[in-house]
Amino acid sequence: MTSDNKEYVLRERDDQEIKRLGFQHQVWKDSSDLAIKRSNISKSKLIIDLGCGPGYLAKDLLTHAAD
């Protein structure tokens, strides 16, 4: 990428990139689920997700907090 190219490197609106990020999420899902369980997150906790991708992990956090 040259300095005059302003394209976002991760191309968040690119369907292929979204699929790649979904696959990556699935690869790490068991580990991230374990981390979520150990974090003691509950409905009463406030979590903010800023620029962390398409939201796959945020959805898992929401699902876990609802349990």
PDB file of N, CA and C in Angstrom:
ATOM      1  N   MET A   1       0.845  -1.166   0.000  1.00  0.00           N
ATOM      2  CA  MET A   1       0.000   0.000   0.000  1.00  0.00           C
ATOM      3  C   MET A   1       0.892   1.232   0.000  1.00  0.00           C
ATOM      4  N   THR A   2       0.669   2.108  -0.910  1.00  0.00           N
ATOM      5  CA  THR A   2       1.442   3.333  -0.983  1.00  0.00           C
ATOM      6  C   THR A   2       0.806   4.395  -0.111  1.00  0.00           C
ATOM      7  N   SER A   3       1.570   5.428   0.185  1.00  0.00           N
ATOM      8  CA  SER A   3       1.061   6.476   1.064  1.00  0.00           C
ATOM      9  C   SER A   3      -0.100   7.260   0.447  1.00  0.00           C
ATOM     10  N   ASP A   4      -0.230   7.245  -0.881  1.00  0.00           N
ATOM     11  CA  ASP A   4      -1.323   7.974  -1.514  1.00  0.00           C
ATOM     12  C   ASP A   4      -2.587   7.129  -1.668  1.00  0.00           C
ATOM     13  N   ASN A   5      -2.532   5.862  -1.315  1.00  0.00           N
ATOM     14  CA  ASN A   5      -3.687   4.978  -1.384  1.00  0.00           C
ATOM     15  C   ASN A   5      -4.436   5.052  -0.056  1.00  0.00           C
ATOM     16  N   LYS A   6      -5.667   5.529  -0.084  1.00  0.00           N
ATOM     17  CA  LYS A   6      -6.453   5.715   1.142  1.00  0.00           C
ATOM     18  C   LYS A   6      -7.408   4.562   1.421  1.00  0.00           C
ATOM     19  N   GLU A   7      -7.285   3.453   0.675  1.00  0.00           N
ATOM     20  CA  GLU A   7      -8.172   2.311   0.873  1.00  0.00           C
ATOM     21  C   GLU A   7      -7.918   1.687   2.241  1.00  0.00           C
ATOM     22  N   TYR A   8      -9.000   1.352   2.929  1.00  0.00           N
ATOM     23  CA  TYR A   8      -8.895   0.681   4.222  1.00  0.00           C
ATOM     24  C   TYR A   8      -8.322  -0.711   4.010  1.00  0.00           C
ATOM     25  N   VAL A   9      -7.293  -1.035   4.722  1.00  0.00           N
ATOM     26  CA  VAL A   9      -6.552  -2.274   4.508  1.00  0.00           C
ATOM     27  C   VAL A   9      -7.432  -3.511   4.656  1.00  0.00           C
ATOM     28  N   LEU A  10      -8.306  -3.552   5.634  1.00  0.00           N
ATOM     29  CA  LEU A  10      -9.098  -4.753   5.894  1.00  0.00           C
ATOM     30  C   LEU A  10     -10.373  -4.840   5.056  1.00  0.00           C
ATOM     31  N   ARG A  11     -10.683  -3.824   4.289  1.00  0.00           N
ATOM     32  CA  ARG A  11     -11.841  -3.840   3.392  1.00  0.00           C
ATOM     33  C   ARG A  11     -13.077  -4.412   4.082  1.00  0.00           C
ATOM     34  N   GLU A  12     -13.513  -3.776   5.157  1.00  0.00           N
ATOM     35  CA  GLU A  12     -14.602  -4.326   5.982  1.00  0.00           C
ATOM     36  C   GLU A  12     -15.905  -4.542   5.227  1.00  0.00           C
ATOM     37  N   ARG A  13     -16.078  -3.935   4.087  1.00  0.00           N
ATOM     38  CA  ARG A  13     -17.316  -4.111   3.323  1.00  0.00           C
ATOM     39  C   ARG A  13     -17.166  -5.152   2.211  1.00  0.00           C
ATOM     40  N   ASP A  14     -16.045  -5.770   2.140  1.00  0.00           N
ATOM     41  CA  ASP A  14     -15.758  -6.777   1.128  1.00  0.00           C
ATOM     42  C   ASP A  14     -16.309  -8.129   1.605  1.00  0.00           C
ATOM     43  N   ASP A  15     -17.219  -8.736   0.835  1.00  0.00           N
ATOM     44  CA  ASP A  15     -17.834 -10.010   1.246  1.00  0.00           C
ATOM     45  C   ASP A  15     -16.799 -11.089   1.521  1.00  0.00           C
ATOM     46  N   GLN A  16     -15.757 -11.150   0.722  1.00  0.00           N
ATOM     47  CA  GLN A  16     -14.708 -12.147   0.923  1.00  0.00           C
ATOM     48  C   GLN A  16     -14.005 -11.917   2.258  1.00  0.00           C
ATOM     49  N   GLU A  17     -13.782 -10.662   2.612  1.00  0.00           N
ATOM     50  CA  GLU A  17     -13.132 -10.355   3.890  1.00  0.00           C
ATOM     51  C   GLU A  17     -14.048 -10.700   5.055  1.00  0.00           C
ATOM     52  N   ILE A  18     -15.326 -10.438   4.938  1.00  0.00           N
ATOM     53  CA  ILE A  18     -16.280 -10.793   5.994  1.00  0.00           C
ATOM     54  C   ILE A  18     -16.297 -12.306   6.192  1.00  0.00           C
ATOM     55  N   LYS A  19     -16.285 -13.064   5.105  1.00  0.00           N
ATOM     56  CA  LYS A  19     -16.243 -14.534   5.207  1.00  0.00           C
ATOM     57  C   LYS A  19     -14.956 -14.988   5.873  1.00  0.00           C
ATOM     58  N   ARG A  20     -13.828 -14.342   5.517  1.00  0.00           N
ATOM     59  CA  ARG A  20     -12.541 -14.704   6.118  1.00  0.00           C
ATOM     60  C   ARG A  20     -12.572 -14.433   7.623  1.00  0.00           C
ATOM     61  N   LEU A  21     -13.125 -13.295   8.022  1.00  0.00           N
ATOM     62  CA  LEU A  21     -13.217 -12.977   9.440  1.00  0.00           C
ATOM     63  C   LEU A  21     -14.158 -13.941  10.168  1.00  0.00           C
ATOM     64  N   GLY A  22     -15.231 -14.359   9.499  1.00  0.00           N
ATOM     65  CA  GLY A  22     -16.124 -15.363  10.086  1.00  0.00           C
ATOM     66  C   GLY A  22     -15.423 -16.692  10.291  1.00  0.00           C
ATOM     67  N   PHE A  23     -14.626 -17.096   9.305  1.00  0.00           N
ATOM     68  CA  PHE A  23     -13.853 -18.333   9.428  1.00  0.00           C
ATOM     69  C   PHE A  23     -12.848 -18.211  10.571  1.00  0.00           C
ATOM     70  N   GLN A  24     -12.164 -17.079  10.641  1.00  0.00           N
ATOM     71  CA  GLN A  24     -11.193 -16.851  11.713  1.00  0.00           C
ATOM     72  C   GLN A  24     -11.879 -16.921  13.072  1.00  0.00           C
ATOM     73  N   HIS A  25     -13.072 -16.357  13.162  1.00  0.00           N
ATOM     74  CA  HIS A  25     -13.830 -16.409  14.413  1.00  0.00           C
ATOM     75  C   HIS A  25     -14.130 -17.862  14.796  1.00  0.00           C
ATOM     76  N   GLN A  26     -14.527 -18.667  13.823  1.00  0.00           N
ATOM     77  CA  GLN A  26     -14.824 -20.077  14.091  1.00  0.00           C
ATOM     78  C   GLN A  26     -13.576 -20.837  14.548  1.00  0.00           C
ATOM     79  N   VAL A  27     -12.436 -20.518  13.967  1.00  0.00           N
ATOM     80  CA  VAL A  27     -11.171 -21.177  14.357  1.00  0.00           C
ATOM     81  C   VAL A  27     -10.874 -20.923  15.830  1.00  0.00           C
ATOM     82  N   TRP A  28     -11.108 -19.700  16.296  1.00  0.00           N
ATOM     83  CA  TRP A  28     -10.779 -19.320  17.663  1.00  0.00           C
ATOM     84  C   TRP A  28     -11.972 -19.384  18.611  1.00  0.00           C
ATOM     85  N   LYS A  29     -13.135 -19.845  18.143  1.00  0.00           N
ATOM     86  CA  LYS A  29     -14.363 -19.795  18.945  1.00  0.00           C
ATOM     87  C   LYS A  29     -14.257 -20.552  20.267  1.00  0.00           C
ATOM     88  N   ASP A  30     -13.698 -21.748  20.266  1.00  0.00           N
ATOM     89  CA  ASP A  30     -13.586 -22.507  21.520  1.00  0.00           C
ATOM     90  C   ASP A  30     -12.760 -21.735  22.549  1.00  0.00           C
ATOM     91  N   SER A  31     -11.641 -21.174  22.105  1.00  0.00           N
ATOM     92  CA  SER A  31     -10.788 -20.397  23.020  1.00  0.00           C
ATOM     93  C   SER A  31     -11.475 -19.128  23.489  1.00  0.00           C
ATOM     94  N   SER A  32     -12.142 -18.427  22.580  1.00  0.00           N
ATOM     95  CA  SER A  32     -12.812 -17.187  22.986  1.00  0.00           C
ATOM     96  C   SER A  32     -14.006 -17.485  23.892  1.00  0.00           C
ATOM     97  N   ASP A  33     -14.735 -18.575  23.623  1.00  0.00           N
ATOM     98  CA  ASP A  33     -15.849 -18.952  24.504  1.00  0.00           C
ATOM     99  C   ASP A  33     -15.349 -19.244  25.920  1.00  0.00           C
ATOM    100  N   LEU A  34     -14.221 -19.915  26.026  1.00  0.00           N
ATOM    101  CA  LEU A  34     -13.643 -20.208  27.341  1.00  0.00           C
ATOM    102  C   LEU A  34     -13.243 -18.912  28.047  1.00  0.00           C
ATOM    103  N   ALA A  35     -12.647 -17.985  27.313  1.00  0.00           N
ATOM    104  CA  ALA A  35     -12.270 -16.694  27.901  1.00  0.00           C
ATOM    105  C   ALA A  35     -13.501 -15.921  28.358  1.00  0.00           C
ATOM    106  N   ILE A  36     -14.555 -15.978  27.569  1.00  0.00           N
ATOM    107  CA  ILE A  36     -15.798 -15.292  27.947  1.00  0.00           C
ATOM    108  C   ILE A  36     -16.355 -15.890  29.235  1.00  0.00           C
ATOM    109  N   LYS A  37     -16.385 -17.217  29.327  1.00  0.00           N
ATOM    110  CA  LYS A  37     -16.906 -17.871  30.532  1.00  0.00           C
ATOM    111  C   LYS A  37     -16.088 -17.510  31.765  1.00  0.00           C
ATOM    112  N   ARG A  38     -14.768 -17.430  31.595  1.00  0.00           N
ATOM    113  CA  ARG A  38     -13.891 -17.092  32.720  1.00  0.00           C
ATOM    114  C   ARG A  38     -13.980 -15.621  33.115  1.00  0.00           C
ATOM    115  N   SER A  39     -14.514 -14.785  32.241  1.00  0.00           N
ATOM    116  CA  SER A  39     -14.534 -13.338  32.486  1.00  0.00           C
ATOM    117  C   SER A  39     -15.634 -12.895  33.442  1.00  0.00           C
ATOM    118  N   ASN A  40     -16.556 -13.778  33.758  1.00  0.00           N
ATOM    119  CA  ASN A  40     -17.649 -13.465  34.682  1.00  0.00           C
ATOM    120  C   ASN A  40     -18.538 -12.331  34.151  1.00  0.00           C
ATOM    121  N   ILE A  41     -18.784 -12.323  32.866  1.00  0.00           N
ATOM    122  CA  ILE A  41     -19.658 -11.321  32.258  1.00  0.00           C
ATOM    123  C   ILE A  41     -21.108 -11.704  32.534  1.00  0.00           C
ATOM    124  N   SER A  42     -21.896 -10.720  32.914  1.00  0.00           N
ATOM    125  CA  SER A  42     -23.312 -10.975  33.189  1.00  0.00           C
ATOM    126  C   SER A  42     -24.151  -9.848  32.600  1.00  0.00           C
ATOM    127  N   LYS A  43     -25.465  -9.975  32.709  1.00  0.00           N
ATOM    128  CA  LYS A  43     -26.382  -8.964  32.187  1.00  0.00           C
ATOM    129  C   LYS A  43     -26.127  -7.593  32.796  1.00  0.00           C
ATOM    130  N   SER A  44     -25.646  -7.550  34.008  1.00  0.00           N
ATOM    131  CA  SER A  44     -25.449  -6.268  34.685  1.00  0.00           C
ATOM    132  C   SER A  44     -24.151  -5.569  34.272  1.00  0.00           C
ATOM    133  N   LYS A  45     -23.325  -6.201  33.464  1.00  0.00           N
ATOM    134  CA  LYS A  45     -22.057  -5.613  33.029  1.00  0.00           C
ATOM    135  C   LYS A  45     -22.254  -4.809  31.748  1.00  0.00           C
ATOM    136  N   LEU A  46     -21.453  -3.784  31.590  1.00  0.00           N
ATOM    137  CA  LEU A  46     -21.472  -2.957  30.392  1.00  0.00           C
ATOM    138  C   LEU A  46     -20.231  -3.277  29.570  1.00  0.00           C
ATOM    139  N   ILE A  47     -20.435  -3.623  28.306  1.00  0.00           N
ATOM    140  CA  ILE A  47     -19.333  -3.972  27.410  1.00  0.00           C
ATOM    141  C   ILE A  47     -19.432  -3.083  26.188  1.00  0.00           C
ATOM    142  N   ILE A  48     -18.302  -2.555  25.747  1.00  0.00           N
ATOM    143  CA  ILE A  48     -18.293  -1.733  24.547  1.00  0.00           C
ATOM    144  C   ILE A  48     -17.350  -2.369  23.523  1.00  0.00           C
ATOM    145  N   ASP A  49     -17.812  -2.431  22.314  1.00  0.00           N
ATOM    146  CA  ASP A  49     -17.061  -3.015  21.203  1.00  0.00           C
ATOM    147  C   ASP A  49     -16.799  -1.896  20.198  1.00  0.00           C
ATOM    148  N   LEU A  50     -15.588  -1.422  20.147  1.00  0.00           N
ATOM    149  CA  LEU A  50     -15.237  -0.320  19.255  1.00  0.00           C
ATOM    150  C   LEU A  50     -14.269  -0.806  18.180  1.00  0.00           C
ATOM    151  N   GLY A  51     -14.742  -0.870  16.970  1.00  0.00           N
ATOM    152  CA  GLY A  51     -13.862  -1.208  15.859  1.00  0.00           C
ATOM    153  C   GLY A  51     -13.218  -2.574  15.958  1.00  0.00           C
ATOM    154  N   CYS A  52     -13.966  -3.543  16.424  1.00  0.00           N
ATOM    155  CA  CYS A  52     -13.414  -4.878  16.637  1.00  0.00           C
ATOM    156  C   CYS A  52     -13.859  -5.871  15.577  1.00  0.00           C
ATOM    157  N   GLY A  53     -14.164  -5.397  14.382  1.00  0.00           N
ATOM    158  CA  GLY A  53     -14.557  -6.296  13.309  1.00  0.00           C
ATOM    159  C   GLY A  53     -16.056  -6.291  13.087  1.00  0.00           C
ATOM    160  N   PRO A  54     -16.545  -7.344  12.426  1.00  0.00           N
ATOM    161  CA  PRO A  54     -17.957  -7.367  12.035  1.00  0.00           C
ATOM    162  C   PRO A  54     -18.926  -7.737  13.146  1.00  0.00           C
ATOM    163  N   GLY A  55     -18.443  -8.016  14.349  1.00  0.00           N
ATOM    164  CA  GLY A  55     -19.336  -8.230  15.485  1.00  0.00           C
ATOM    165  C   GLY A  55     -19.551  -9.672  15.889  1.00  0.00           C
ATOM    166  N   TYR A  56     -18.781 -10.597  15.351  1.00  0.00           N
ATOM    167  CA  TYR A  56     -18.975 -12.004  15.711  1.00  0.00           C
ATOM    168  C   TYR A  56     -18.735 -12.229  17.208  1.00  0.00           C
ATOM    169  N   LEU A  57     -17.659 -11.694  17.746  1.00  0.00           N
ATOM    170  CA  LEU A  57     -17.382 -11.876  19.167  1.00  0.00           C
ATOM    171  C   LEU A  57     -18.381 -11.111  20.030  1.00  0.00           C
ATOM    172  N   ALA A  58     -18.777  -9.937  19.595  1.00  0.00           N
ATOM    173  CA  ALA A  58     -19.774  -9.168  20.348  1.00  0.00           C
ATOM    174  C   ALA A  58     -21.079  -9.955  20.470  1.00  0.00           C
ATOM    175  N   LYS A  59     -21.457 -10.639  19.416  1.00  0.00           N
ATOM    176  CA  LYS A  59     -22.679 -11.460  19.460  1.00  0.00           C
ATOM    177  C   LYS A  59     -22.506 -12.608  20.453  1.00  0.00           C
ATOM    178  N   ASP A  60     -21.325 -13.225  20.475  1.00  0.00           N
ATOM    179  CA  ASP A  60     -21.068 -14.291  21.446  1.00  0.00           C
ATOM    180  C   ASP A  60     -21.133 -13.754  22.877  1.00  0.00           C
ATOM    181  N   LEU A  61     -20.609 -12.555  23.094  1.00  0.00           N
ATOM    182  CA  LEU A  61     -20.662 -11.940  24.433  1.00  0.00           C
ATOM    183  C   LEU A  61     -22.119 -11.710  24.849  1.00  0.00           C
ATOM    184  N   LEU A  62     -22.919 -11.222  23.935  1.00  0.00           N
ATOM    185  CA  LEU A  62     -24.336 -10.990  24.214  1.00  0.00           C
ATOM    186  C   LEU A  62     -25.049 -12.291  24.541  1.00  0.00           C
ATOM    187  N   THR A  63     -24.784 -13.316  23.763  1.00  0.00           N
ATOM    188  CA  THR A  63     -25.396 -14.631  24.000  1.00  0.00           C
ATOM    189  C   THR A  63     -25.003 -15.173  25.364  1.00  0.00           C
ATOM    190  N   HIS A  64     -23.725 -15.052  25.708  1.00  0.00           N
ATOM    191  CA  HIS A  64     -23.252 -15.568  27.000  1.00  0.00           C
ATOM    192  C   HIS A  64     -23.873 -14.793  28.159  1.00  0.00           C
ATOM    193  N   ALA A  65     -23.946 -13.482  28.029  1.00  0.00           N
ATOM    194  CA  ALA A  65     -24.517 -12.663  29.104  1.00  0.00           C
ATOM    195  C   ALA A  65     -25.992 -12.961  29.305  1.00  0.00           C
ATOM    196  N   ALA A  66     -26.673 -13.396  28.253  1.00  0.00           N
ATOM    197  CA  ALA A  66     -28.094 -13.707  28.359  1.00  0.00           C
ATOM    198  C   ALA A  66     -28.348 -15.033  29.066  1.00  0.00           C
ATOM    199  N   ASP A  67     -27.322 -15.878  29.169  1.00  0.00           N
ATOM    200  CA  ASP A  67     -27.483 -17.201  29.812  1.00  0.00           C
ATOM    201  C   ASP A  67     -27.657 -17.076  31.310  1.00  0.00           C
TER     202      ASP A  67
END
